[in-house]
Amino acid sequence: MSEYEKEYDDRSFWEKIRRFAIKAGRPVIENALVLYFCLKDADTPARAKAIVIGALGYFILPIDAFPDLIPVAGFTDDLAVLLIATTTVLAHIKPAHRQRAREQLDWERHTQGSNSTGEYGGQGKGRQKFASEAEKERHYRTVLELSGAITSSALRDGYRQLAQKYHPDKVQHLGEEFQQMAEYKLREINAAYEYLKRKYG
């Protein structure tokens, strides 16, 4: 994969993520994002980073065995290369890399879906529409990672933990794309807290 290292750069990587977050399928994009966050981790050794850069360079390259115009199938070889790289550097992939990848993918798919349906504002900044109050509460419970009976202390603790996790000071080193996602998540966390606090104190 070393021959593809020269194909990699951050701008091209995010352009492909933005274009194909839905079309390519979750396994392809999630694995690409896991490798990206592994690459950006200062703890990842140089040899592992070289392998990741090669795999991501291949992912970016527009010419591959199957044309990317074919949904999902067009990314079969991309997924194979990404899985090989992931397995090779597995010792350096942290749970935090996988968590950030899932969050970033959800954000990218949400943004693409929002732009196509018109249900949200540009870049996902609009307010989500809910069919009922019950649906709204379920959504906000999920945002704050709450289950079962809600107490004021559980609500407050859950909010503080997540608000701290996505605070701008905590994500400023992770790049503009993750910062945008974190900003959106923080707005959702604040909205969830205000809504559930009014109901449960």
N, C-alpha and C. Protein backbone atom coordinates (compact mmCIF):
# COMPACT_ATOMS: atom_id res chain seq x y z
N MET A 1 0.81 -1.22 0.00
CA MET A 1 0.00 0.00 0.00
C MET A 1 0.85 1.26 0.00
N SER A 2 2.16 1.08 0.11
CA SER A 2 3.03 2.26 0.20
C SER A 2 2.96 3.12 -1.05
N GLU A 3 2.64 2.50 -2.21
CA GLU A 3 2.58 3.28 -3.45
C GLU A 3 1.42 4.27 -3.47
N TYR A 4 0.50 4.12 -2.52
CA TYR A 4 -0.66 5.02 -2.48
C TYR A 4 -0.52 6.14 -1.45
N GLU A 5 0.60 6.14 -0.72
CA GLU A 5 0.79 7.16 0.31
C GLU A 5 0.71 8.57 -0.27
N LYS A 6 1.28 8.75 -1.47
CA LYS A 6 1.32 10.09 -2.06
C LYS A 6 -0.07 10.60 -2.45
N GLU A 7 -1.05 9.68 -2.51
CA GLU A 7 -2.42 10.08 -2.88
C GLU A 7 -3.17 10.71 -1.70
N TYR A 8 -2.64 10.52 -0.49
CA TYR A 8 -3.40 10.96 0.69
C TYR A 8 -3.17 12.43 1.01
N ASP A 9 -4.26 13.14 1.28
CA ASP A 9 -4.21 14.43 1.97
C ASP A 9 -5.56 14.62 2.63
N ASP A 10 -5.59 15.41 3.70
CA ASP A 10 -6.80 15.57 4.50
C ASP A 10 -7.98 16.09 3.68
N ARG A 11 -7.72 17.07 2.84
CA ARG A 11 -8.81 17.68 2.08
C ARG A 11 -9.50 16.66 1.18
N SER A 12 -8.73 15.86 0.46
CA SER A 12 -9.30 14.85 -0.44
C SER A 12 -10.03 13.77 0.35
N PHE A 13 -9.48 13.42 1.52
CA PHE A 13 -10.13 12.42 2.36
C PHE A 13 -11.53 12.88 2.75
N TRP A 14 -11.63 14.11 3.26
CA TRP A 14 -12.93 14.59 3.72
C TRP A 14 -13.89 14.84 2.56
N GLU A 15 -13.36 15.18 1.40
CA GLU A 15 -14.23 15.34 0.23
C GLU A 15 -14.89 14.01 -0.12
N LYS A 16 -14.12 12.92 -0.06
CA LYS A 16 -14.70 11.61 -0.38
C LYS A 16 -15.68 11.18 0.70
N ILE A 17 -15.35 11.41 1.96
CA ILE A 17 -16.28 11.09 3.04
C ILE A 17 -17.60 11.83 2.82
N ARG A 18 -17.50 13.12 2.52
CA ARG A 18 -18.71 13.93 2.35
C ARG A 18 -19.55 13.46 1.15
N ARG A 19 -18.88 13.03 0.08
CA ARG A 19 -19.61 12.62 -1.13
C ARG A 19 -20.26 11.26 -0.97
N PHE A 20 -19.64 10.37 -0.17
CA PHE A 20 -20.07 8.98 -0.18
C PHE A 20 -20.45 8.41 1.19
N ALA A 21 -20.69 9.27 2.18
CA ALA A 21 -20.99 8.77 3.53
C ALA A 21 -22.20 7.84 3.55
N ILE A 22 -23.19 8.11 2.70
CA ILE A 22 -24.37 7.25 2.62
C ILE A 22 -24.18 6.18 1.54
N LYS A 23 -23.74 6.60 0.38
CA LYS A 23 -23.66 5.72 -0.79
C LYS A 23 -22.70 4.55 -0.60
N ALA A 24 -21.58 4.78 0.06
CA ALA A 24 -20.54 3.75 0.18
C ALA A 24 -20.91 2.65 1.16
N GLY A 25 -21.83 2.93 2.06
CA GLY A 25 -22.18 1.94 3.08
C GLY A 25 -21.39 2.17 4.36
N ARG A 26 -22.01 1.82 5.47
CA ARG A 26 -21.41 2.10 6.78
C ARG A 26 -20.05 1.43 6.99
N PRO A 27 -19.87 0.13 6.64
CA PRO A 27 -18.56 -0.51 6.92
C PRO A 27 -17.39 0.20 6.27
N VAL A 28 -17.56 0.67 5.03
CA VAL A 28 -16.46 1.34 4.32
C VAL A 28 -16.09 2.64 5.02
N ILE A 29 -17.09 3.50 5.23
CA ILE A 29 -16.80 4.82 5.79
C ILE A 29 -16.36 4.72 7.24
N GLU A 30 -16.97 3.83 8.00
CA GLU A 30 -16.58 3.71 9.41
C GLU A 30 -15.14 3.24 9.55
N ASN A 31 -14.74 2.26 8.73
CA ASN A 31 -13.35 1.79 8.78
C ASN A 31 -12.37 2.88 8.34
N ALA A 32 -12.76 3.65 7.33
CA ALA A 32 -11.91 4.76 6.90
C ALA A 32 -11.73 5.78 8.02
N LEU A 33 -12.82 6.06 8.73
CA LEU A 33 -12.75 7.04 9.82
C LEU A 33 -11.96 6.50 11.02
N VAL A 34 -12.10 5.22 11.31
CA VAL A 34 -11.30 4.62 12.39
C VAL A 34 -9.81 4.79 12.08
N LEU A 35 -9.43 4.50 10.85
CA LEU A 35 -8.03 4.65 10.46
C LEU A 35 -7.60 6.11 10.51
N TYR A 36 -8.48 7.01 10.12
CA TYR A 36 -8.15 8.44 10.15
C TYR A 36 -7.85 8.89 11.57
N PHE A 37 -8.71 8.51 12.53
CA PHE A 37 -8.48 8.94 13.91
C PHE A 37 -7.27 8.24 14.53
N CYS A 38 -6.98 7.03 14.07
CA CYS A 38 -5.74 6.37 14.49
C CYS A 38 -4.53 7.14 13.96
N LEU A 39 -4.63 7.58 12.71
CA LEU A 39 -3.55 8.36 12.09
C LEU A 39 -3.29 9.66 12.85
N LYS A 40 -4.34 10.31 13.33
CA LYS A 40 -4.21 11.60 14.00
C LYS A 40 -3.79 11.47 15.46
N ASP A 41 -3.73 10.26 15.97
CA ASP A 41 -3.34 10.04 17.36
C ASP A 41 -1.82 10.11 17.50
N ALA A 42 -1.36 10.94 18.40
CA ALA A 42 0.08 11.10 18.59
C ALA A 42 0.75 9.82 19.09
N ASP A 43 -0.03 8.92 19.69
CA ASP A 43 0.52 7.67 20.20
C ASP A 43 0.79 6.64 19.11
N THR A 44 0.21 6.83 17.94
CA THR A 44 0.37 5.85 16.86
C THR A 44 1.78 5.95 16.29
N PRO A 45 2.54 4.85 16.24
CA PRO A 45 3.92 4.90 15.75
C PRO A 45 3.99 5.17 14.26
N ALA A 46 5.14 5.62 13.81
CA ALA A 46 5.33 6.04 12.42
C ALA A 46 5.04 4.91 11.43
N ARG A 47 5.46 3.70 11.74
CA ARG A 47 5.25 2.58 10.80
C ARG A 47 3.75 2.33 10.61
N ALA A 48 3.00 2.35 11.69
CA ALA A 48 1.55 2.16 11.60
C ALA A 48 0.90 3.30 10.82
N LYS A 49 1.38 4.52 11.05
CA LYS A 49 0.83 5.67 10.32
C LYS A 49 1.09 5.54 8.82
N ALA A 50 2.24 5.01 8.44
CA ALA A 50 2.55 4.82 7.02
C ALA A 50 1.58 3.83 6.37
N ILE A 51 1.24 2.77 7.10
CA ILE A 51 0.27 1.79 6.59
C ILE A 51 -1.10 2.43 6.44
N VAL A 52 -1.50 3.21 7.44
CA VAL A 52 -2.80 3.89 7.39
C VAL A 52 -2.86 4.88 6.23
N ILE A 53 -1.80 5.66 6.07
CA ILE A 53 -1.78 6.64 4.98
C ILE A 53 -1.89 5.95 3.62
N GLY A 54 -1.22 4.81 3.47
CA GLY A 54 -1.33 4.06 2.22
C GLY A 54 -2.75 3.60 1.95
N ALA A 55 -3.41 3.08 2.99
CA ALA A 55 -4.79 2.60 2.84
C ALA A 55 -5.74 3.75 2.54
N LEU A 56 -5.57 4.86 3.23
CA LEU A 56 -6.45 6.01 3.00
C LEU A 56 -6.16 6.65 1.64
N GLY A 57 -4.91 6.58 1.20
CA GLY A 57 -4.58 7.06 -0.14
C GLY A 57 -5.28 6.24 -1.20
N TYR A 58 -5.34 4.92 -0.99
CA TYR A 58 -6.07 4.05 -1.93
C TYR A 58 -7.56 4.38 -1.91
N PHE A 59 -8.08 4.62 -0.71
CA PHE A 59 -9.50 4.97 -0.55
C PHE A 59 -9.84 6.25 -1.32
N ILE A 60 -8.94 7.21 -1.29
CA ILE A 60 -9.15 8.49 -1.97
C ILE A 60 -9.05 8.35 -3.48
N LEU A 61 -8.14 7.47 -3.93
CA LEU A 61 -7.86 7.34 -5.36
C LEU A 61 -9.14 7.04 -6.13
N PRO A 62 -9.46 7.82 -7.16
CA PRO A 62 -10.73 7.62 -7.88
C PRO A 62 -10.75 6.41 -8.80
N ILE A 63 -9.59 5.87 -9.16
CA ILE A 63 -9.54 4.72 -10.07
C ILE A 63 -9.26 3.47 -9.25
N ASP A 64 -10.23 2.54 -9.24
CA ASP A 64 -10.02 1.29 -8.53
C ASP A 64 -10.67 0.14 -9.31
N ALA A 65 -10.67 -1.05 -8.74
CA ALA A 65 -11.12 -2.23 -9.47
C ALA A 65 -12.59 -2.16 -9.84
N PHE A 66 -13.42 -1.55 -8.99
CA PHE A 66 -14.83 -1.36 -9.27
C PHE A 66 -15.13 0.13 -9.26
N PRO A 67 -15.80 0.67 -10.27
CA PRO A 67 -16.09 2.10 -10.27
C PRO A 67 -16.98 2.49 -9.11
N ASP A 68 -16.67 3.64 -8.46
CA ASP A 68 -17.43 4.09 -7.31
C ASP A 68 -18.83 4.55 -7.66
N LEU A 69 -19.15 4.60 -8.95
CA LEU A 69 -20.50 4.97 -9.35
C LEU A 69 -21.50 3.86 -9.04
N ILE A 70 -21.01 2.63 -8.84
CA ILE A 70 -21.90 1.52 -8.50
C ILE A 70 -22.08 1.52 -6.99
N PRO A 71 -23.31 1.76 -6.48
CA PRO A 71 -23.51 1.83 -5.03
C PRO A 71 -23.02 0.57 -4.33
N VAL A 72 -22.34 0.74 -3.22
CA VAL A 72 -21.82 -0.32 -2.34
C VAL A 72 -20.83 -1.22 -3.06
N ALA A 73 -21.26 -1.87 -4.16
CA ALA A 73 -20.37 -2.78 -4.88
C ALA A 73 -19.13 -2.06 -5.38
N GLY A 74 -19.29 -0.78 -5.72
CA GLY A 74 -18.17 0.00 -6.20
C GLY A 74 -17.11 0.25 -5.16
N PHE A 75 -17.41 -0.09 -3.91
CA PHE A 75 -16.47 0.14 -2.81
C PHE A 75 -15.93 -1.17 -2.23
N THR A 76 -16.16 -2.27 -2.94
CA THR A 76 -15.75 -3.58 -2.42
C THR A 76 -14.24 -3.63 -2.19
N ASP A 77 -13.47 -3.16 -3.15
CA ASP A 77 -12.02 -3.21 -2.99
C ASP A 77 -11.53 -2.20 -1.96
N ASP A 78 -12.22 -1.04 -1.87
CA ASP A 78 -11.87 -0.08 -0.82
C ASP A 78 -12.00 -0.71 0.55
N LEU A 79 -13.12 -1.42 0.76
CA LEU A 79 -13.36 -2.05 2.06
C LEU A 79 -12.30 -3.10 2.34
N ALA A 80 -11.92 -3.88 1.34
CA ALA A 80 -10.90 -4.91 1.54
C ALA A 80 -9.57 -4.29 1.98
N VAL A 81 -9.16 -3.22 1.31
CA VAL A 81 -7.91 -2.55 1.66
C VAL A 81 -7.98 -1.96 3.06
N LEU A 82 -9.11 -1.33 3.38
CA LEU A 82 -9.27 -0.72 4.70
C LEU A 82 -9.25 -1.77 5.81
N LEU A 83 -9.88 -2.92 5.55
CA LEU A 83 -9.90 -3.99 6.56
C LEU A 83 -8.52 -4.58 6.76
N ILE A 84 -7.76 -4.73 5.67
CA ILE A 84 -6.38 -5.23 5.80
C ILE A 84 -5.55 -4.27 6.65
N ALA A 85 -5.68 -2.98 6.36
CA ALA A 85 -4.92 -1.98 7.12
C ALA A 85 -5.35 -1.96 8.58
N THR A 86 -6.66 -2.06 8.81
CA THR A 86 -7.17 -2.06 10.19
C THR A 86 -6.62 -3.24 10.96
N THR A 87 -6.61 -4.42 10.33
CA THR A 87 -6.08 -5.62 10.98
C THR A 87 -4.59 -5.48 11.25
N THR A 88 -3.87 -4.87 10.32
CA THR A 88 -2.42 -4.72 10.46
C THR A 88 -2.05 -3.80 11.61
N VAL A 89 -2.82 -2.74 11.80
CA VAL A 89 -2.48 -1.76 12.86
C VAL A 89 -3.42 -1.90 14.06
N LEU A 90 -4.07 -3.05 14.18
CA LEU A 90 -5.09 -3.25 15.21
C LEU A 90 -4.59 -2.92 16.61
N ALA A 91 -3.35 -3.23 16.89
CA ALA A 91 -2.79 -2.98 18.22
C ALA A 91 -2.78 -1.50 18.57
N HIS A 92 -2.87 -0.63 17.57
CA HIS A 92 -2.80 0.81 17.80
C HIS A 92 -4.16 1.50 17.67
N ILE A 93 -5.20 0.72 17.40
CA ILE A 93 -6.55 1.28 17.31
C ILE A 93 -7.20 1.22 18.68
N LYS A 94 -7.60 2.37 19.17
CA LYS A 94 -8.18 2.49 20.51
C LYS A 94 -9.70 2.53 20.43
N PRO A 95 -10.38 2.17 21.53
CA PRO A 95 -11.84 2.33 21.57
C PRO A 95 -12.28 3.75 21.23
N ALA A 96 -11.47 4.74 21.63
CA ALA A 96 -11.80 6.15 21.34
C ALA A 96 -11.82 6.41 19.83
N HIS A 97 -10.94 5.74 19.08
CA HIS A 97 -10.93 5.91 17.62
C HIS A 97 -12.23 5.40 17.03
N ARG A 98 -12.68 4.25 17.50
CA ARG A 98 -13.92 3.66 16.99
C ARG A 98 -15.13 4.51 17.38
N GLN A 99 -15.12 5.03 18.61
CA GLN A 99 -16.22 5.87 19.07
C GLN A 99 -16.31 7.15 18.24
N ARG A 100 -15.17 7.79 18.02
CA ARG A 100 -15.16 9.02 17.21
C ARG A 100 -15.60 8.73 15.78
N ALA A 101 -15.20 7.58 15.26
CA ALA A 101 -15.59 7.22 13.90
C ALA A 101 -17.10 7.05 13.80
N ARG A 102 -17.71 6.37 14.77
CA ARG A 102 -19.16 6.19 14.75
C ARG A 102 -19.88 7.53 14.84
N GLU A 103 -19.39 8.40 15.73
CA GLU A 103 -20.02 9.70 15.89
C GLU A 103 -19.88 10.55 14.62
N GLN A 104 -18.69 10.52 14.03
CA GLN A 104 -18.46 11.31 12.82
C GLN A 104 -19.32 10.78 11.68
N LEU A 105 -19.42 9.45 11.56
CA LEU A 105 -20.23 8.87 10.50
C LEU A 105 -21.70 9.24 10.67
N ASP A 106 -22.20 9.15 11.89
CA ASP A 106 -23.60 9.54 12.14
C ASP A 106 -23.83 10.99 11.75
N TRP A 107 -22.86 11.84 12.07
CA TRP A 107 -22.95 13.26 11.71
C TRP A 107 -22.96 13.45 10.20
N GLU A 108 -22.05 12.78 9.50
CA GLU A 108 -21.97 12.92 8.05
C GLU A 108 -23.24 12.41 7.37
N ARG A 109 -23.74 11.26 7.83
CA ARG A 109 -24.96 10.70 7.23
C ARG A 109 -26.16 11.58 7.54
N HIS A 110 -26.19 12.13 8.75
CA HIS A 110 -27.26 13.05 9.13
C HIS A 110 -27.23 14.29 8.24
N THR A 111 -26.05 14.83 8.02
CA THR A 111 -25.91 16.03 7.20
C THR A 111 -26.34 15.77 5.76
N GLN A 112 -25.89 14.64 5.19
CA GLN A 112 -26.28 14.31 3.81
C GLN A 112 -27.78 14.07 3.71
N GLY A 113 -28.34 13.36 4.69
CA GLY A 113 -29.78 13.11 4.68
C GLY A 113 -30.57 14.39 4.86
N SER A 114 -30.07 15.29 5.72
CA SER A 114 -30.74 16.56 5.96
C SER A 114 -30.78 17.40 4.70
N ASN A 115 -29.66 17.44 3.98
CA ASN A 115 -29.60 18.26 2.78
C ASN A 115 -30.50 17.73 1.68
N SER A 116 -30.73 16.41 1.68
CA SER A 116 -31.55 15.82 0.62
C SER A 116 -33.04 15.91 0.93
N THR A 117 -33.42 15.88 2.22
CA THR A 117 -34.84 15.89 2.57
C THR A 117 -35.37 17.26 2.88
N GLY A 118 -34.46 18.18 3.23
CA GLY A 118 -34.89 19.53 3.56
C GLY A 118 -35.52 19.64 4.93
N GLU A 119 -35.39 18.58 5.78
CA GLU A 119 -36.01 18.62 7.09
C GLU A 119 -35.19 19.38 8.10
N TYR A 120 -33.94 19.66 7.76
CA TYR A 120 -33.05 20.35 8.67
C TYR A 120 -32.45 21.54 7.96
N GLY A 121 -31.83 22.40 8.76
CA GLY A 121 -31.13 23.52 8.15
C GLY A 121 -29.83 23.07 7.53
N GLY A 122 -29.16 23.98 6.80
CA GLY A 122 -27.88 23.66 6.18
C GLY A 122 -26.88 23.19 7.21
N GLN A 123 -26.07 22.21 6.79
CA GLN A 123 -25.05 21.61 7.66
C GLN A 123 -25.64 21.06 8.94
N GLY A 124 -26.92 20.64 8.90
CA GLY A 124 -27.52 19.99 10.05
C GLY A 124 -27.78 20.91 11.21
N LYS A 125 -27.85 22.21 10.98
CA LYS A 125 -27.97 23.14 12.10
C LYS A 125 -29.42 23.47 12.45
N GLY A 126 -30.38 22.97 11.66
CA GLY A 126 -31.76 23.26 11.96
C GLY A 126 -32.29 22.39 13.08
N ARG A 127 -33.54 22.65 13.47
CA ARG A 127 -34.17 21.86 14.52
C ARG A 127 -34.82 20.61 13.93
N GLN A 128 -34.67 19.50 14.62
CA GLN A 128 -35.27 18.28 14.15
C GLN A 128 -36.77 18.31 14.40
N LYS A 129 -37.53 17.70 13.47
CA LYS A 129 -38.98 17.62 13.62
C LYS A 129 -39.33 16.28 14.23
N PHE A 130 -40.28 16.28 15.17
CA PHE A 130 -40.72 15.06 15.83
C PHE A 130 -42.20 14.85 15.59
N ALA A 131 -42.59 13.59 15.41
CA ALA A 131 -43.98 13.28 15.15
C ALA A 131 -44.83 13.39 16.41
N SER A 132 -44.21 13.22 17.58
CA SER A 132 -44.96 13.26 18.83
C SER A 132 -44.02 13.62 19.98
N GLU A 133 -44.62 13.95 21.13
CA GLU A 133 -43.81 14.22 22.32
C GLU A 133 -43.07 12.97 22.78
N ALA A 134 -43.71 11.80 22.60
CA ALA A 134 -43.06 10.55 23.00
C ALA A 134 -41.80 10.30 22.17
N GLU A 135 -41.89 10.57 20.88
CA GLU A 135 -40.72 10.42 20.00
C GLU A 135 -39.63 11.41 20.39
N LYS A 136 -40.03 12.62 20.72
CA LYS A 136 -39.07 13.64 21.12
C LYS A 136 -38.34 13.23 22.39
N GLU A 137 -39.09 12.70 23.36
CA GLU A 137 -38.45 12.28 24.61
C GLU A 137 -37.51 11.11 24.36
N ARG A 138 -37.91 10.15 23.53
CA ARG A 138 -37.03 9.01 23.23
C ARG A 138 -35.72 9.50 22.60
N HIS A 139 -35.85 10.46 21.69
CA HIS A 139 -34.65 11.00 21.04
C HIS A 139 -33.72 11.64 22.06
N TYR A 140 -34.28 12.48 22.93
CA TYR A 140 -33.44 13.20 23.88
C TYR A 140 -32.88 12.27 24.96
N ARG A 141 -33.60 11.23 25.31
CA ARG A 141 -33.04 10.22 26.22
C ARG A 141 -31.81 9.57 25.58
N THR A 142 -31.92 9.27 24.29
CA THR A 142 -30.80 8.66 23.57
C THR A 142 -29.61 9.61 23.52
N VAL A 143 -29.88 10.88 23.26
CA VAL A 143 -28.80 11.89 23.19
C VAL A 143 -28.02 11.91 24.50
N LEU A 144 -28.74 11.88 25.62
CA LEU A 144 -28.06 11.93 26.93
C LEU A 144 -27.70 10.55 27.48
N GLU A 145 -27.94 9.51 26.65
CA GLU A 145 -27.58 8.14 27.02
C GLU A 145 -28.24 7.73 28.33
N LEU A 146 -29.54 8.04 28.44
CA LEU A 146 -30.31 7.73 29.64
C LEU A 146 -31.27 6.59 29.37
N SER A 147 -31.44 5.71 30.34
CA SER A 147 -32.41 4.63 30.23
C SER A 147 -33.08 4.44 31.58
N GLY A 148 -34.28 3.88 31.57
CA GLY A 148 -35.00 3.67 32.81
C GLY A 148 -35.55 4.98 33.37
N ALA A 149 -35.83 4.94 34.66
CA ALA A 149 -36.38 6.13 35.33
C ALA A 149 -35.33 7.24 35.37
N ILE A 150 -35.79 8.46 35.14
CA ILE A 150 -34.89 9.62 35.13
C ILE A 150 -34.99 10.34 36.47
N THR A 151 -33.86 10.51 37.11
CA THR A 151 -33.80 11.32 38.33
C THR A 151 -33.04 12.61 38.01
N SER A 152 -33.24 13.61 38.83
CA SER A 152 -32.57 14.89 38.59
C SER A 152 -31.05 14.74 38.65
N SER A 153 -30.57 13.89 39.56
CA SER A 153 -29.11 13.72 39.68
C SER A 153 -28.54 12.98 38.48
N ALA A 154 -29.25 11.92 37.99
CA ALA A 154 -28.79 11.17 36.82
C ALA A 154 -28.79 12.07 35.59
N LEU A 155 -29.82 12.90 35.49
CA LEU A 155 -29.92 13.83 34.37
C LEU A 155 -28.77 14.83 34.38
N ARG A 156 -28.52 15.39 35.55
CA ARG A 156 -27.45 16.39 35.69
C ARG A 156 -26.08 15.76 35.42
N ASP A 157 -25.85 14.58 35.98
CA ASP A 157 -24.54 13.92 35.80
C ASP A 157 -24.31 13.53 34.33
N GLY A 158 -25.36 13.00 33.70
CA GLY A 158 -25.24 12.62 32.29
C GLY A 158 -24.95 13.82 31.42
N TYR A 159 -25.63 14.91 31.71
CA TYR A 159 -25.42 16.13 30.93
C TYR A 159 -24.00 16.65 31.11
N ARG A 160 -23.53 16.73 32.34
CA ARG A 160 -22.19 17.27 32.59
C ARG A 160 -21.11 16.44 31.92
N GLN A 161 -21.25 15.12 31.99
CA GLN A 161 -20.24 14.24 31.40
C GLN A 161 -20.16 14.43 29.88
N LEU A 162 -21.33 14.49 29.22
CA LEU A 162 -21.33 14.63 27.77
C LEU A 162 -20.96 16.05 27.34
N ALA A 163 -21.42 17.05 28.08
CA ALA A 163 -21.08 18.44 27.73
C ALA A 163 -19.58 18.65 27.83
N GLN A 164 -18.96 18.03 28.81
CA GLN A 164 -17.50 18.14 28.95
C GLN A 164 -16.79 17.42 27.79
N LYS A 165 -17.33 16.27 27.40
CA LYS A 165 -16.70 15.48 26.33
C LYS A 165 -16.67 16.24 25.02
N TYR A 166 -17.73 16.99 24.72
CA TYR A 166 -17.83 17.68 23.43
C TYR A 166 -17.55 19.18 23.53
N HIS A 167 -17.03 19.62 24.65
CA HIS A 167 -16.70 21.03 24.81
C HIS A 167 -15.62 21.40 23.79
N PRO A 168 -15.71 22.62 23.21
CA PRO A 168 -14.71 23.02 22.21
C PRO A 168 -13.27 22.85 22.64
N ASP A 169 -12.98 23.07 23.92
CA ASP A 169 -11.61 22.93 24.40
C ASP A 169 -11.12 21.48 24.31
N LYS A 170 -12.05 20.53 24.35
CA LYS A 170 -11.69 19.11 24.33
C LYS A 170 -11.46 18.58 22.92
N VAL A 171 -11.98 19.28 21.90
CA VAL A 171 -11.91 18.75 20.54
C VAL A 171 -11.12 19.64 19.58
N GLN A 172 -10.51 20.69 20.10
CA GLN A 172 -9.85 21.65 19.22
C GLN A 172 -8.67 21.06 18.47
N HIS A 173 -8.10 19.95 18.96
CA HIS A 173 -6.96 19.33 18.29
C HIS A 173 -7.36 18.26 17.28
N LEU A 174 -8.66 18.03 17.10
CA LEU A 174 -9.12 16.91 16.29
C LEU A 174 -9.48 17.27 14.85
N GLY A 175 -9.35 18.52 14.48
CA GLY A 175 -9.64 18.91 13.11
C GLY A 175 -11.00 19.54 12.97
N GLU A 176 -11.16 20.32 11.91
CA GLU A 176 -12.37 21.11 11.71
C GLU A 176 -13.61 20.23 11.58
N GLU A 177 -13.49 19.08 10.88
CA GLU A 177 -14.65 18.24 10.64
C GLU A 177 -15.21 17.69 11.95
N PHE A 178 -14.32 17.19 12.81
CA PHE A 178 -14.79 16.66 14.09
C PHE A 178 -15.29 17.79 14.98
N GLN A 179 -14.70 18.96 14.89
CA GLN A 179 -15.17 20.10 15.67
C GLN A 179 -16.59 20.48 15.28
N GLN A 180 -16.91 20.44 13.99
CA GLN A 180 -18.26 20.75 13.54
C GLN A 180 -19.25 19.73 14.08
N MET A 181 -18.88 18.46 14.04
CA MET A 181 -19.73 17.42 14.58
C MET A 181 -19.94 17.61 16.08
N ALA A 182 -18.85 17.93 16.80
CA ALA A 182 -18.93 18.13 18.24
C ALA A 182 -19.83 19.32 18.58
N GLU A 183 -19.77 20.37 17.77
CA GLU A 183 -20.63 21.54 17.97
C GLU A 183 -22.10 21.15 17.85
N TYR A 184 -22.40 20.35 16.83
CA TYR A 184 -23.77 19.86 16.64
C TYR A 184 -24.20 18.99 17.82
N LYS A 185 -23.32 18.07 18.26
CA LYS A 185 -23.65 17.20 19.38
C LYS A 185 -23.89 18.01 20.64
N LEU A 186 -23.11 19.04 20.86
CA LEU A 186 -23.27 19.86 22.06
C LEU A 186 -24.61 20.59 22.04
N ARG A 187 -25.03 21.07 20.86
CA ARG A 187 -26.34 21.70 20.76
C ARG A 187 -27.45 20.70 21.10
N GLU A 188 -27.30 19.48 20.60
CA GLU A 188 -28.28 18.43 20.88
C GLU A 188 -28.30 18.09 22.38
N ILE A 189 -27.13 18.02 22.99
CA ILE A 189 -27.02 17.73 24.41
C ILE A 189 -27.70 18.81 25.24
N ASN A 190 -27.46 20.06 24.89
CA ASN A 190 -28.10 21.17 25.61
C ASN A 190 -29.60 21.15 25.44
N ALA A 191 -30.07 20.89 24.21
CA ALA A 191 -31.52 20.84 23.96
C ALA A 191 -32.15 19.70 24.73
N ALA A 192 -31.47 18.54 24.76
CA ALA A 192 -31.99 17.39 25.48
C ALA A 192 -32.08 17.67 26.97
N TYR A 193 -31.05 18.28 27.50
CA TYR A 193 -31.04 18.58 28.93
C TYR A 193 -32.15 19.55 29.31
N GLU A 194 -32.33 20.60 28.53
CA GLU A 194 -33.37 21.59 28.83
C GLU A 194 -34.75 20.95 28.74
N TYR A 195 -34.97 20.11 27.74
CA TYR A 195 -36.27 19.47 27.58
C TYR A 195 -36.57 18.52 28.74
N LEU A 196 -35.62 17.65 29.05
CA LEU A 196 -35.85 16.66 30.10
C LEU A 196 -35.84 17.29 31.49
N LYS A 197 -35.10 18.36 31.68
CA LYS A 197 -35.11 19.05 32.97
C LYS A 197 -36.48 19.65 33.25
N ARG A 198 -37.13 20.18 32.22
CA ARG A 198 -38.46 20.74 32.40
C ARG A 198 -39.45 19.66 32.83
N LYS A 199 -39.24 18.43 32.37
CA LYS A 199 -40.16 17.34 32.70
C LYS A 199 -39.83 16.65 34.01
N TYR A 200 -38.54 16.52 34.31
CA TYR A 200 -38.12 15.70 35.44
C TYR A 200 -37.34 16.46 36.51
N GLY A 201 -37.13 17.75 36.27
CA GLY A 201 -36.41 18.54 37.29
C GLY A 201 -34.95 18.26 37.30
